Amino acid sequence: MLLLAFEINAFAVMKIIYQYYLPVFVSYSNRITRDGALEISKVLKENTAIEILDLGYNRLEDDGACHIAEALKTYNTNLQT
């Protein structure tokens, strides 16, 4: 299953990732901020099926990117890209 998320907020992203153990998740250019990245990282700790994750051109900032990186490094070993 492939999900392309456009113009949705981080809470909706979090709910989608949690509900559907997606192997591919693309949320490109959706104005996701560091707060949204924190929420997404919480779900990534539970959903270890993610193989491809694209959050390019969002507003994650360093803090948000670190939250996501830590969640993927610690809990998700399936990520390919």
Protein backbone atom coordinates (compact mmCIF):
# COMPACT_ATOMS: atom_id res chain seq x y z
CA MET A 1 0.00 0.00 0.00
CA LEU A 2 1.31 3.45 -0.94
CA LEU A 3 0.00 6.59 0.70
CA LEU A 4 0.69 10.05 -0.61
CA ALA A 5 -0.29 12.69 1.90
CA PHE A 6 -0.82 16.24 0.70
CA GLU A 7 -2.18 19.14 2.71
CA ILE A 8 -2.86 17.20 5.89
CA ASN A 9 -1.74 18.02 9.39
CA ALA A 10 0.66 16.06 11.55
CA PHE A 11 -2.11 14.60 13.70
CA ALA A 12 -3.77 13.14 10.62
CA VAL A 13 -0.40 11.79 9.47
CA MET A 14 0.17 10.22 12.87
CA LYS A 15 -3.25 8.55 12.82
CA ILE A 16 -2.76 7.20 9.29
CA ILE A 17 0.68 5.75 10.06
CA TYR A 18 -0.56 4.15 13.27
CA GLN A 19 -3.76 2.74 11.80
CA TYR A 20 -2.35 1.20 8.61
CA TYR A 21 1.02 -0.44 8.99
CA LEU A 22 2.27 1.17 5.79
CA PRO A 23 5.51 0.08 4.13
CA VAL A 24 5.67 3.34 2.10
CA PHE A 25 4.76 6.77 3.42
CA VAL A 26 5.23 9.97 1.41
CA SER A 27 4.24 13.29 2.97
CA TYR A 28 6.09 15.72 0.77
CA SER A 29 5.83 19.50 1.32
CA ASN A 30 3.03 19.53 3.90
CA ARG A 31 4.34 22.16 6.33
CA ILE A 32 4.96 19.54 9.02
CA THR A 33 6.78 21.30 11.85
CA ARG A 34 9.07 20.03 14.62
CA ASP A 35 6.00 19.50 16.82
CA GLY A 36 4.42 17.38 14.11
CA ALA A 37 7.67 15.50 13.68
CA LEU A 38 7.65 14.68 17.38
CA GLU A 39 4.15 13.18 17.04
CA ILE A 40 5.16 11.26 13.92
CA SER A 41 8.23 9.90 15.72
CA LYS A 42 6.01 8.51 18.49
CA VAL A 43 4.02 6.53 15.93
CA LEU A 44 7.13 5.36 14.10
CA LYS A 45 8.17 3.66 17.32
CA GLU A 46 5.02 1.54 17.08
CA ASN A 47 4.86 1.03 13.31
CA THR A 48 7.95 -0.88 12.31
CA ALA A 49 6.66 -1.74 8.83
CA ILE A 50 7.88 1.52 7.26
CA GLU A 51 10.43 0.78 4.54
CA ILE A 52 10.29 4.06 2.62
CA LEU A 53 9.64 7.40 4.30
CA ASP A 54 9.66 10.75 2.49
CA LEU A 55 9.10 13.87 4.58
CA GLY A 56 11.01 16.16 2.22
CA TYR A 57 10.33 19.89 2.05
CA ASN A 58 8.61 20.13 5.40
CA ARG A 59 9.51 22.39 8.32
CA LEU A 60 10.88 19.74 10.66
CA GLU A 61 13.89 21.77 11.81
CA ASP A 62 16.81 20.08 13.56
CA ASP A 63 14.78 19.03 16.60
CA GLY A 64 12.07 17.37 14.52
CA ALA A 65 14.58 15.58 12.31
CA CYS A 66 16.36 14.28 15.43
CA HIS A 67 13.12 12.93 16.89
CA ILE A 68 12.34 11.04 13.69
CA ALA A 69 15.91 9.79 13.28
CA GLU A 70 15.98 8.46 16.84
CA ALA A 71 12.66 6.66 16.40
CA LEU A 72 13.81 5.04 13.18
CA LYS A 73 17.26 4.17 14.50
CA THR A 74 15.98 2.58 17.70
CA TYR A 75 12.69 0.99 16.68
CA ASN A 76 12.59 0.59 12.90
CA THR A 77 15.23 -1.45 11.14
CA ASN A 78 13.22 -1.96 7.93
CA LEU A 79 13.78 1.53 6.52
CA GLN A 80 15.46 1.46 3.11
CA THR A 81 15.35 5.11 2.08
